[in-house]
Structures are given as structure tokens and as C-alpha cells.
Amino acid sequence: MTPGLLIRGCGVARPKVERRARHPGRKRHPDRLVFQGILFVLHTGIAWEHLPQELGFGSGMTCWRRLAQWTEAGVWPRLHEVLLAKLRSADALDFSRAAVDGSHIRALKGGSKTGRSPVDRGRSGSKHHLITDATGIPLAVTLTGGNRNDVTQLIPLLQAVPPVRGKRGRPRRRPDVVLGDRGYDHDKYRQLVWDLGVKPAIARRGTEHGSGLGTQRWVVERAFAHLHWFRRLRIRWEIRDDIHEAFLTLGCAWRRLKKAVLI
């Protein structure tokens, strides 16, 4: 099944571009092929200008422009939201608990949402912050500078989880429990989590290992390993933060895309 059919099967509307009646110019390259080109860059990490023309995806600039247009139209968050609804309708989402974590990447060209990383000799970097359900399915992801502490993104991550439909009644948005490592140990944020109706299960600093959280929290680390399998997400090459966030959201959705459509 091709990517174009998968997006259509999920019910995600792509922005329509009207062709001029007078002096229409060259025909617009098919969205399906351009989407395949975007995925090729996401998987391989290749530079846009090096996208092989013989593959038929169009030029790298065409793919980049289309990615920017779809990003401005909000296609990728909508795609992720629809897929989560399909997974929930098939009882494939577990909101009994969620796990959060952050992962640093280099940002070689700088840009917004970058900062001097304390774990990379002060080099410019960014951080991916991820929240998953109990099975490791990404619920939301955010991007910050590499100098931001993980705990500052705990509340934004919980608030970034979209309302997940798929069953009768109100959409589900909050997990019952959120798991975090010692980087999230702060009583102020524990209280903020309680205020959202979520129970915090966060390891305390200075305590011995063996609390048992690792046996449940490892799913978010596995999700990061799957996410950074996409080479475009291992190192940030985009100066524009919204383009990198588009890749990030698409990476979260793509691994579940075919499964969700076939459910």
C-alpha cells in the first residue's frame, strides 16, 4: 500500500491547490510521490538537494515546499490524532500509565529551539521530549533547546496529548499514572501533575536503584530507539524548528501508520 493511500485511508485531508486557468504552468507533481520523497529523506537523512531524481519523487525543493505547506496546514498532528483514535478503537492503546523521557540530539546548523548542551561540551543541540502509553506508543512529542531540563517539559507533554477518540463517550486525554526517572524529581511538578488528575510515579534522587519503575518505564526508551532509527531525527539539520517538528511527528506516526489503517 502506498503512502498516499494510507493517508487517504486515515481520513486526513491534504490542502488542495487550485491550478490557474490562464498560464497554468507545469503540472503539479503528484502528492503521493512527493510524500514518498519526504519519507525517503526522513529514513535516510539525505540532503534535500541530493534526492535522486530517478526515483520519481520530484526535486528536493519540491518535496521541501510541500512538507512546509502541509506543516502550515496542520496535517501531521491531525494524522497522528486520527491514528491514535484508530488504535484506541482496536483496544491497542493503554492509558493506565504513561512514561516520559527526553533525548538530546545535535543541531549542527543552529536555529530556534536550540541551546548549548551540558552533555555535549556546550555544543548547539536540541532535545526531543516524548510521552508514550503503557505499551510504548507515542502520545505526544515536543522539541526544546538542548539546555532545557527534562522536568520543565513534564506538564507541556501531558497537555500536548490530543483528545483521543475511537470509543463511545468523552475522548481520552490523560493517563492514570505518569512514570518518570530522577530527572523529573521535583515536588512542585508532582503537585502540578496531581492538579491535572494524573498520579505521578517519579523516582527520587539519592535513592537506590530497584524501585521497580524501570520495569515499566523502559517502553519510552525503546520508543526513542525506534524514533531515532530515522536518520533525519538523529541529528537536527533543519534551521526551522517547525520543519524538524514535522519530521518528529511524522516519525511518531509512521511506524504505526500501516497497522492502524489495516485495523
C-alpha atoms as a PDB file:
ATOM      1  CA  MET A   1       0.000   0.000   0.000  1.00  0.00           C
ATOM      2  CA  THR A   2       1.423   3.383  -0.976  1.00  0.00           C
ATOM      3  CA  PRO A   3       1.770   6.323   1.443  1.00  0.00           C
ATOM      4  CA  GLY A   4      -0.832   8.337  -0.437  1.00  0.00           C
ATOM      5  CA  LEU A   5      -3.427   5.617   0.005  1.00  0.00           C
ATOM      6  CA  LEU A   6      -2.515   5.277   3.680  1.00  0.00           C
ATOM      7  CA  ILE A   7      -3.138   8.965   4.367  1.00  0.00           C
ATOM      8  CA  ARG A   8      -6.396   8.822   2.421  1.00  0.00           C
ATOM      9  CA  GLY A   9      -7.415   5.722   4.395  1.00  0.00           C
ATOM     10  CA  CYS A  10      -6.866   7.605   7.646  1.00  0.00           C
ATOM     11  CA  GLY A  11      -9.235  10.358   6.546  1.00  0.00           C
ATOM     12  CA  VAL A  12      -6.654  13.135   6.746  1.00  0.00           C
ATOM     13  CA  ALA A  13      -7.406  15.926   4.290  1.00  0.00           C
ATOM     14  CA  ARG A  14      -4.476  17.429   2.435  1.00  0.00           C
ATOM     15  CA  PRO A  15      -4.723  21.099   1.411  1.00  0.00           C
ATOM     16  CA  LYS A  16      -5.967  21.497  -2.143  1.00  0.00           C
ATOM     17  CA  VAL A  17      -4.143  23.793  -4.528  1.00  0.00           C
ATOM     18  CA  GLU A  18      -6.205  25.272  -7.358  1.00  0.00           C
ATOM     19  CA  ARG A  19      -4.467  25.399 -10.718  1.00  0.00           C
ATOM     20  CA  ARG A  20      -4.626  28.681 -12.616  1.00  0.00           C
ATOM     21  CA  ALA A  21      -6.896  28.634 -15.654  1.00  0.00           C
ATOM     22  CA  ARG A  22      -4.657  31.046 -17.534  1.00  0.00           C
ATOM     23  CA  HIS A  23      -0.949  30.330 -17.806  1.00  0.00           C
ATOM     24  CA  PRO A  24      -1.193  27.255 -15.556  1.00  0.00           C
ATOM     25  CA  GLY A  25       2.472  26.345 -15.978  1.00  0.00           C
ATOM     26  CA  ARG A  26       3.885  22.893 -15.398  1.00  0.00           C
ATOM     27  CA  LYS A  27       1.520  20.358 -13.852  1.00  0.00           C
ATOM     28  CA  ARG A  28       1.864  19.911 -10.092  1.00  0.00           C
ATOM     29  CA  HIS A  29       3.848  16.823  -9.070  1.00  0.00           C
ATOM     30  CA  PRO A  30       1.540  14.152  -7.513  1.00  0.00           C
ATOM     31  CA  ASP A  31       1.197  14.435  -3.745  1.00  0.00           C
ATOM     32  CA  ARG A  32       1.668  10.688  -3.339  1.00  0.00           C
ATOM     33  CA  LEU A  33       5.097  10.709  -4.957  1.00  0.00           C
ATOM     34  CA  VAL A  34       6.160  13.828  -3.066  1.00  0.00           C
ATOM     35  CA  PHE A  35       5.117  12.200   0.214  1.00  0.00           C
ATOM     36  CA  GLN A  36       7.290   9.223  -0.660  1.00  0.00           C
ATOM     37  CA  GLY A  37      10.177  11.630  -1.226  1.00  0.00           C
ATOM     38  CA  ILE A  38       9.633  13.161   2.229  1.00  0.00           C
ATOM     39  CA  LEU A  39       9.670   9.697   3.767  1.00  0.00           C
ATOM     40  CA  PHE A  40      12.853   8.867   1.848  1.00  0.00           C
ATOM     41  CA  VAL A  41      14.584  11.896   3.388  1.00  0.00           C
ATOM     42  CA  LEU A  42      13.205  11.005   6.840  1.00  0.00           C
ATOM     43  CA  HIS A  43      14.502   7.425   6.599  1.00  0.00           C
ATOM     44  CA  THR A  44      17.899   8.054   5.011  1.00  0.00           C
ATOM     45  CA  GLY A  45      18.770  11.518   6.325  1.00  0.00           C
ATOM     46  CA  ILE A  46      19.874  12.536   2.828  1.00  0.00           C
ATOM     47  CA  ALA A  47      20.133  16.250   1.977  1.00  0.00           C
ATOM     48  CA  TRP A  48      17.196  17.630   0.022  1.00  0.00           C
ATOM     49  CA  GLU A  49      19.378  18.629  -2.929  1.00  0.00           C
ATOM     50  CA  HIS A  50      20.746  15.074  -3.165  1.00  0.00           C
ATOM     51  CA  LEU A  51      17.344  13.403  -3.516  1.00  0.00           C
ATOM     52  CA  PRO A  52      17.768  11.066  -6.540  1.00  0.00           C
ATOM     53  CA  GLN A  53      15.689  12.290  -9.483  1.00  0.00           C
ATOM     54  CA  GLU A  54      15.437   8.788 -10.968  1.00  0.00           C
ATOM     55  CA  LEU A  55      13.184   7.729  -8.082  1.00  0.00           C
ATOM     56  CA  GLY A  56      10.418   9.952  -9.462  1.00  0.00           C
ATOM     57  CA  PHE A  57       9.675  11.773  -6.191  1.00  0.00           C
ATOM     58  CA  GLY A  58      10.322  15.186  -7.704  1.00  0.00           C
ATOM     59  CA  SER A  59      13.114  17.571  -6.797  1.00  0.00           C
ATOM     60  CA  GLY A  60      14.269  18.016  -3.237  1.00  0.00           C
ATOM     61  CA  MET A  61      12.980  21.597  -3.266  1.00  0.00           C
ATOM     62  CA  THR A  62       9.545  20.401  -4.398  1.00  0.00           C
ATOM     63  CA  CYS A  63       9.422  17.914  -1.522  1.00  0.00           C
ATOM     64  CA  TRP A  64      10.607  20.555   0.947  1.00  0.00           C
ATOM     65  CA  ARG A  65       7.992  23.072  -0.194  1.00  0.00           C
ATOM     66  CA  ARG A  66       5.208  20.517   0.025  1.00  0.00           C
ATOM     67  CA  LEU A  67       6.390  19.499   3.506  1.00  0.00           C
ATOM     68  CA  ALA A  68       6.296  23.159   4.580  1.00  0.00           C
ATOM     69  CA  GLN A  69       2.802  23.631   3.099  1.00  0.00           C
ATOM     70  CA  TRP A  70       1.417  20.535   4.822  1.00  0.00           C
ATOM     71  CA  THR A  71       3.098  21.576   8.072  1.00  0.00           C
ATOM     72  CA  GLU A  72       1.457  25.020   7.975  1.00  0.00           C
ATOM     73  CA  ALA A  73      -1.894  23.321   7.248  1.00  0.00           C
ATOM     74  CA  GLY A  74      -1.533  21.146  10.384  1.00  0.00           C
ATOM     75  CA  VAL A  75      -1.559  17.821   8.513  1.00  0.00           C
ATOM     76  CA  TRP A  76       0.907  15.941  10.729  1.00  0.00           C
ATOM     77  CA  PRO A  77      -0.712  16.462  14.168  1.00  0.00           C
ATOM     78  CA  ARG A  78      -4.070  15.630  12.598  1.00  0.00           C
ATOM     79  CA  LEU A  79      -2.614  12.444  11.100  1.00  0.00           C
ATOM     80  CA  HIS A  80      -1.217  11.404  14.486  1.00  0.00           C
ATOM     81  CA  GLU A  81      -4.531  12.137  16.205  1.00  0.00           C
ATOM     82  CA  VAL A  82      -6.518  10.055  13.704  1.00  0.00           C
ATOM     83  CA  LEU A  83      -4.111   7.135  14.063  1.00  0.00           C
ATOM     84  CA  LEU A  84      -4.360   7.214  17.850  1.00  0.00           C
ATOM     85  CA  ALA A  85      -8.161   7.087  17.536  1.00  0.00           C
ATOM     86  CA  LYS A  86      -7.910   4.027  15.283  1.00  0.00           C
ATOM     87  CA  LEU A  87      -5.588   2.307  17.730  1.00  0.00           C
ATOM     88  CA  ARG A  88      -7.887   3.083  20.658  1.00  0.00           C
ATOM     89  CA  SER A  89     -10.915   1.743  18.814  1.00  0.00           C
ATOM     90  CA  ALA A  90      -8.992  -1.527  18.408  1.00  0.00           C
ATOM     91  CA  ASP A  91      -8.047  -1.586  22.133  1.00  0.00           C
ATOM     92  CA  ALA A  92      -4.397  -1.111  21.194  1.00  0.00           C
ATOM     93  CA  LEU A  93      -3.845   1.910  23.484  1.00  0.00           C
ATOM     94  CA  ASP A  94      -3.250   1.553  27.216  1.00  0.00           C
ATOM     95  CA  PHE A  95      -3.913   4.731  29.218  1.00  0.00           C
ATOM     96  CA  SER A  96      -3.440   3.008  32.583  1.00  0.00           C
ATOM     97  CA  ARG A  97       0.012   4.590  32.698  1.00  0.00           C
ATOM     98  CA  ALA A  98       2.321   6.729  30.586  1.00  0.00           C
ATOM     99  CA  ALA A  99       6.086   7.158  30.526  1.00  0.00           C
ATOM    100  CA  VAL A 100       8.090  10.330  29.804  1.00  0.00           C
ATOM    101  CA  ASP A 101      11.709  10.912  28.882  1.00  0.00           C
ATOM    102  CA  GLY A 102      13.985  13.261  26.956  1.00  0.00           C
ATOM    103  CA  SER A 103      16.781  12.662  24.469  1.00  0.00           C
ATOM    104  CA  HIS A 104      19.453  15.081  23.269  1.00  0.00           C
ATOM    105  CA  ILE A 105      20.451  15.491  19.614  1.00  0.00           C
ATOM    106  CA  ARG A 106      22.954  17.761  17.929  1.00  0.00           C
ATOM    107  CA  ALA A 107      21.735  20.777  15.959  1.00  0.00           C
ATOM    108  CA  LEU A 108      24.599  21.438  13.575  1.00  0.00           C
ATOM    109  CA  LYS A 109      23.021  24.459  11.866  1.00  0.00           C
ATOM    110  CA  GLY A 110      21.547  26.106  14.947  1.00  0.00           C
ATOM    111  CA  GLY A 111      18.182  27.785  14.706  1.00  0.00           C
ATOM    112  CA  SER A 112      15.307  28.323  17.126  1.00  0.00           C
ATOM    113  CA  LYS A 113      14.722  25.798  19.921  1.00  0.00           C
ATOM    114  CA  THR A 114      18.436  25.048  20.223  1.00  0.00           C
ATOM    115  CA  GLY A 115      20.832  25.689  23.078  1.00  0.00           C
ATOM    116  CA  ARG A 116      24.258  24.886  24.497  1.00  0.00           C
ATOM    117  CA  SER A 117      24.046  21.298  25.646  1.00  0.00           C
ATOM    118  CA  PRO A 118      25.544  20.474  29.059  1.00  0.00           C
ATOM    119  CA  VAL A 119      26.047  16.843  27.969  1.00  0.00           C
ATOM    120  CA  ASP A 120      27.816  17.627  24.676  1.00  0.00           C
ATOM    121  CA  ARG A 121      30.594  20.050  25.689  1.00  0.00           C
ATOM    122  CA  GLY A 122      28.390  23.075  25.188  1.00  0.00           C
ATOM    123  CA  ARG A 123      27.723  22.386  21.522  1.00  0.00           C
ATOM    124  CA  SER A 124      24.459  23.551  19.986  1.00  0.00           C
ATOM    125  CA  GLY A 125      21.730  20.966  20.378  1.00  0.00           C
ATOM    126  CA  SER A 126      18.034  20.271  20.789  1.00  0.00           C
ATOM    127  CA  LYS A 127      16.013  17.876  22.897  1.00  0.00           C
ATOM    128  CA  HIS A 128      13.205  15.525  21.957  1.00  0.00           C
ATOM    129  CA  HIS A 129      10.702  15.067  24.802  1.00  0.00           C
ATOM    130  CA  LEU A 130       8.373  12.089  24.452  1.00  0.00           C
ATOM    131  CA  ILE A 131       5.380  10.653  26.290  1.00  0.00           C
ATOM    132  CA  THR A 132       4.122   7.153  25.471  1.00  0.00           C
ATOM    133  CA  ASP A 133       1.310   4.924  26.646  1.00  0.00           C
ATOM    134  CA  ALA A 134       1.984   1.784  28.688  1.00  0.00           C
ATOM    135  CA  THR A 135       2.980  -0.176  25.561  1.00  0.00           C
ATOM    136  CA  GLY A 136       5.339   2.463  24.122  1.00  0.00           C
ATOM    137  CA  ILE A 137       3.053   4.088  21.542  1.00  0.00           C
ATOM    138  CA  PRO A 138       3.951   7.811  21.252  1.00  0.00           C
ATOM    139  CA  LEU A 139       1.146  10.030  22.516  1.00  0.00           C
ATOM    140  CA  ALA A 140       2.897  13.382  22.106  1.00  0.00           C
ATOM    141  CA  VAL A 141       6.351  14.812  21.427  1.00  0.00           C
ATOM    142  CA  THR A 142       7.872  18.250  21.920  1.00  0.00           C
ATOM    143  CA  LEU A 143      11.082  19.985  20.871  1.00  0.00           C
ATOM    144  CA  THR A 144      13.198  22.313  23.033  1.00  0.00           C
ATOM    145  CA  GLY A 145      16.724  23.621  23.225  1.00  0.00           C
ATOM    146  CA  GLY A 146      19.418  21.257  24.420  1.00  0.00           C
ATOM    147  CA  ASN A 147      19.880  23.298  27.609  1.00  0.00           C
ATOM    148  CA  ARG A 148      16.327  22.770  28.856  1.00  0.00           C
ATOM    149  CA  ASN A 149      15.791  20.499  31.852  1.00  0.00           C
ATOM    150  CA  ASP A 150      13.542  17.491  31.268  1.00  0.00           C
ATOM    151  CA  VAL A 151      11.250  18.350  34.171  1.00  0.00           C
ATOM    152  CA  THR A 152      10.224  21.652  32.543  1.00  0.00           C
ATOM    153  CA  GLN A 153       8.519  19.649  29.786  1.00  0.00           C
ATOM    154  CA  LEU A 154       6.553  17.310  32.038  1.00  0.00           C
ATOM    155  CA  ILE A 155       3.392  19.437  32.098  1.00  0.00           C
ATOM    156  CA  PRO A 156       3.656  20.546  28.419  1.00  0.00           C
ATOM    157  CA  LEU A 157       3.914  16.883  27.412  1.00  0.00           C
ATOM    158  CA  LEU A 158       0.795  15.919  29.357  1.00  0.00           C
ATOM    159  CA  GLN A 159      -1.048  18.908  27.904  1.00  0.00           C
ATOM    160  CA  ALA A 160       0.149  18.063  24.378  1.00  0.00           C
ATOM    161  CA  VAL A 161      -1.612  14.687  24.356  1.00  0.00           C
ATOM    162  CA  PRO A 162      -4.535  15.181  21.952  1.00  0.00           C
ATOM    163  CA  PRO A 163      -8.094  14.119  22.806  1.00  0.00           C
ATOM    164  CA  VAL A 164      -8.122  10.519  21.581  1.00  0.00           C
ATOM    165  CA  ARG A 165     -11.449   9.336  20.228  1.00  0.00           C
ATOM    166  CA  GLY A 166     -12.266   5.859  18.970  1.00  0.00           C
ATOM    167  CA  LYS A 167     -14.759   4.798  21.643  1.00  0.00           C
ATOM    168  CA  ARG A 168     -18.097   5.990  22.937  1.00  0.00           C
ATOM    169  CA  GLY A 169     -18.115   8.784  25.457  1.00  0.00           C
ATOM    170  CA  ARG A 170     -15.633  11.546  26.005  1.00  0.00           C
ATOM    171  CA  PRO A 171     -12.250  11.385  24.258  1.00  0.00           C
ATOM    172  CA  ARG A 172      -9.435  10.101  26.470  1.00  0.00           C
ATOM    173  CA  ARG A 173      -6.619  12.563  27.070  1.00  0.00           C
ATOM    174  CA  ARG A 174      -4.971  11.876  30.421  1.00  0.00           C
ATOM    175  CA  PRO A 175      -3.269   8.664  31.601  1.00  0.00           C
ATOM    176  CA  ASP A 176      -3.962   7.378  35.104  1.00  0.00           C
ATOM    177  CA  VAL A 177      -0.279   7.419  36.102  1.00  0.00           C
ATOM    178  CA  VAL A 178       2.826   9.045  34.617  1.00  0.00           C
ATOM    179  CA  LEU A 179       6.259   7.436  35.143  1.00  0.00           C
ATOM    180  CA  GLY A 180       9.500   9.418  35.144  1.00  0.00           C
ATOM    181  CA  ASP A 181      13.150   8.961  36.100  1.00  0.00           C
ATOM    182  CA  ARG A 182      15.103  11.051  38.615  1.00  0.00           C
ATOM    183  CA  GLY A 183      15.377  13.927  36.149  1.00  0.00           C
ATOM    184  CA  TYR A 184      11.705  14.682  36.871  1.00  0.00           C
ATOM    185  CA  ASP A 185      12.092  14.654  40.655  1.00  0.00           C
ATOM    186  CA  HIS A 186      10.616  17.956  41.843  1.00  0.00           C
ATOM    187  CA  ASP A 187       7.754  18.340  44.320  1.00  0.00           C
ATOM    188  CA  LYS A 188       6.428  21.424  42.538  1.00  0.00           C
ATOM    189  CA  TYR A 189       5.875  19.447  39.337  1.00  0.00           C
ATOM    190  CA  ARG A 190       4.455  16.499  41.234  1.00  0.00           C
ATOM    191  CA  GLN A 191       1.726  18.796  42.529  1.00  0.00           C
ATOM    192  CA  LEU A 192       1.104  20.184  39.028  1.00  0.00           C
ATOM    193  CA  VAL A 193       0.698  16.627  37.732  1.00  0.00           C
ATOM    194  CA  TRP A 194      -1.800  15.870  40.516  1.00  0.00           C
ATOM    195  CA  ASP A 195      -3.698  19.036  39.540  1.00  0.00           C
ATOM    196  CA  LEU A 196      -4.195  17.552  36.063  1.00  0.00           C
ATOM    197  CA  GLY A 197      -5.777  14.448  37.595  1.00  0.00           C
ATOM    198  CA  VAL A 198      -2.740  12.235  36.969  1.00  0.00           C
ATOM    199  CA  LYS A 199      -0.783  10.316  39.605  1.00  0.00           C
ATOM    200  CA  PRO A 200       2.993  10.964  39.424  1.00  0.00           C
ATOM    201  CA  ALA A 201       5.275   7.942  39.858  1.00  0.00           C
ATOM    202  CA  ILE A 202       8.701   9.577  39.743  1.00  0.00           C
ATOM    203  CA  ALA A 203      11.934   8.198  41.147  1.00  0.00           C
ATOM    204  CA  ARG A 204      13.538  10.165  43.983  1.00  0.00           C
ATOM    205  CA  ARG A 205      17.066  11.496  43.755  1.00  0.00           C
ATOM    206  CA  GLY A 206      19.553   9.943  46.151  1.00  0.00           C
ATOM    207  CA  THR A 207      17.620   6.683  46.458  1.00  0.00           C
ATOM    208  CA  GLU A 208      18.978   3.314  45.430  1.00  0.00           C
ATOM    209  CA  HIS A 209      18.039   1.713  42.153  1.00  0.00           C
ATOM    210  CA  GLY A 210      15.484  -1.049  42.234  1.00  0.00           C
ATOM    211  CA  SER A 211      12.309   0.993  42.708  1.00  0.00           C
ATOM    212  CA  GLY A 212      10.613  -1.077  40.006  1.00  0.00           C
ATOM    213  CA  LEU A 213       9.820   1.878  37.738  1.00  0.00           C
ATOM    214  CA  GLY A 214      12.385   0.709  35.193  1.00  0.00           C
ATOM    215  CA  THR A 215      10.417  -2.454  34.503  1.00  0.00           C
ATOM    216  CA  GLN A 216       7.568  -0.276  33.208  1.00  0.00           C
ATOM    217  CA  ARG A 217       9.361   2.875  32.052  1.00  0.00           C
ATOM    218  CA  TRP A 218      11.657   1.138  29.547  1.00  0.00           C
ATOM    219  CA  VAL A 219       8.989   1.407  26.829  1.00  0.00           C
ATOM    220  CA  VAL A 220       9.719   5.120  26.325  1.00  0.00           C
ATOM    221  CA  GLU A 221      13.434   4.366  25.869  1.00  0.00           C
ATOM    222  CA  ARG A 222      12.530   1.743  23.267  1.00  0.00           C
ATOM    223  CA  ALA A 223      10.281   4.300  21.555  1.00  0.00           C
ATOM    224  CA  PHE A 224      13.236   6.694  21.350  1.00  0.00           C
ATOM    225  CA  ALA A 225      15.360   3.937  19.819  1.00  0.00           C
ATOM    226  CA  HIS A 226      12.669   3.373  17.173  1.00  0.00           C
ATOM    227  CA  LEU A 227      12.268   7.108  16.604  1.00  0.00           C
ATOM    228  CA  HIS A 228      15.974   7.745  16.149  1.00  0.00           C
ATOM    229  CA  TRP A 229      16.182   4.843  13.725  1.00  0.00           C
ATOM    230  CA  PHE A 230      15.084   7.537  11.263  1.00  0.00           C
ATOM    231  CA  ARG A 231      18.387   9.155  10.340  1.00  0.00           C
ATOM    232  CA  ARG A 232      16.857  12.590   9.842  1.00  0.00           C
ATOM    233  CA  LEU A 233      15.986  12.612  13.554  1.00  0.00           C
ATOM    234  CA  ARG A 234      19.395  11.561  14.890  1.00  0.00           C
ATOM    235  CA  ILE A 235      20.902  14.946  14.031  1.00  0.00           C
ATOM    236  CA  ARG A 236      18.901  18.123  13.526  1.00  0.00           C
ATOM    237  CA  TRP A 237      19.760  19.671  10.157  1.00  0.00           C
ATOM    238  CA  GLU A 238      16.760  21.995   9.910  1.00  0.00           C
ATOM    239  CA  ILE A 239      17.184  25.618  10.948  1.00  0.00           C
ATOM    240  CA  ARG A 240      13.388  25.983  11.055  1.00  0.00           C
ATOM    241  CA  ASP A 241      12.061  24.272  14.160  1.00  0.00           C
ATOM    242  CA  ASP A 242       8.617  23.658  12.633  1.00  0.00           C
ATOM    243  CA  ILE A 243      10.152  21.548   9.845  1.00  0.00           C
ATOM    244  CA  HIS A 244      12.047  19.399  12.340  1.00  0.00           C
ATOM    245  CA  GLU A 245       8.892  19.069  14.447  1.00  0.00           C
ATOM    246  CA  ALA A 246       7.058  17.921  11.302  1.00  0.00           C
ATOM    247  CA  PHE A 247       9.632  15.165  10.823  1.00  0.00           C
ATOM    248  CA  LEU A 248       9.341  14.328  14.517  1.00  0.00           C
ATOM    249  CA  THR A 249       5.547  13.964  14.455  1.00  0.00           C
ATOM    250  CA  LEU A 250       5.649  12.042  11.181  1.00  0.00           C
ATOM    251  CA  GLY A 251       8.255   9.694  12.666  1.00  0.00           C
ATOM    252  CA  CYS A 252       5.997   9.034  15.664  1.00  0.00           C
ATOM    253  CA  ALA A 253       3.042   8.287  13.392  1.00  0.00           C
ATOM    254  CA  TRP A 254       4.684   6.404  10.552  1.00  0.00           C
ATOM    255  CA  ARG A 255       5.685   3.252  12.453  1.00  0.00           C
ATOM    256  CA  ARG A 256       2.039   2.732  13.421  1.00  0.00           C
ATOM    257  CA  LEU A 257       0.539   4.000  10.168  1.00  0.00           C
ATOM    258  CA  LYS A 258       0.058   0.785   8.225  1.00  0.00           C
ATOM    259  CA  LYS A 259      -1.086  -1.164  11.274  1.00  0.00           C
ATOM    260  CA  ALA A 260      -3.643   1.486  12.202  1.00  0.00           C
ATOM    261  CA  VAL A 261      -5.095   1.664   8.673  1.00  0.00           C
ATOM    262  CA  LEU A 262      -5.435  -2.113   8.456  1.00  0.00           C
ATOM    263  CA  ILE A 263      -7.246  -2.359  11.819  1.00  0.00           C
END
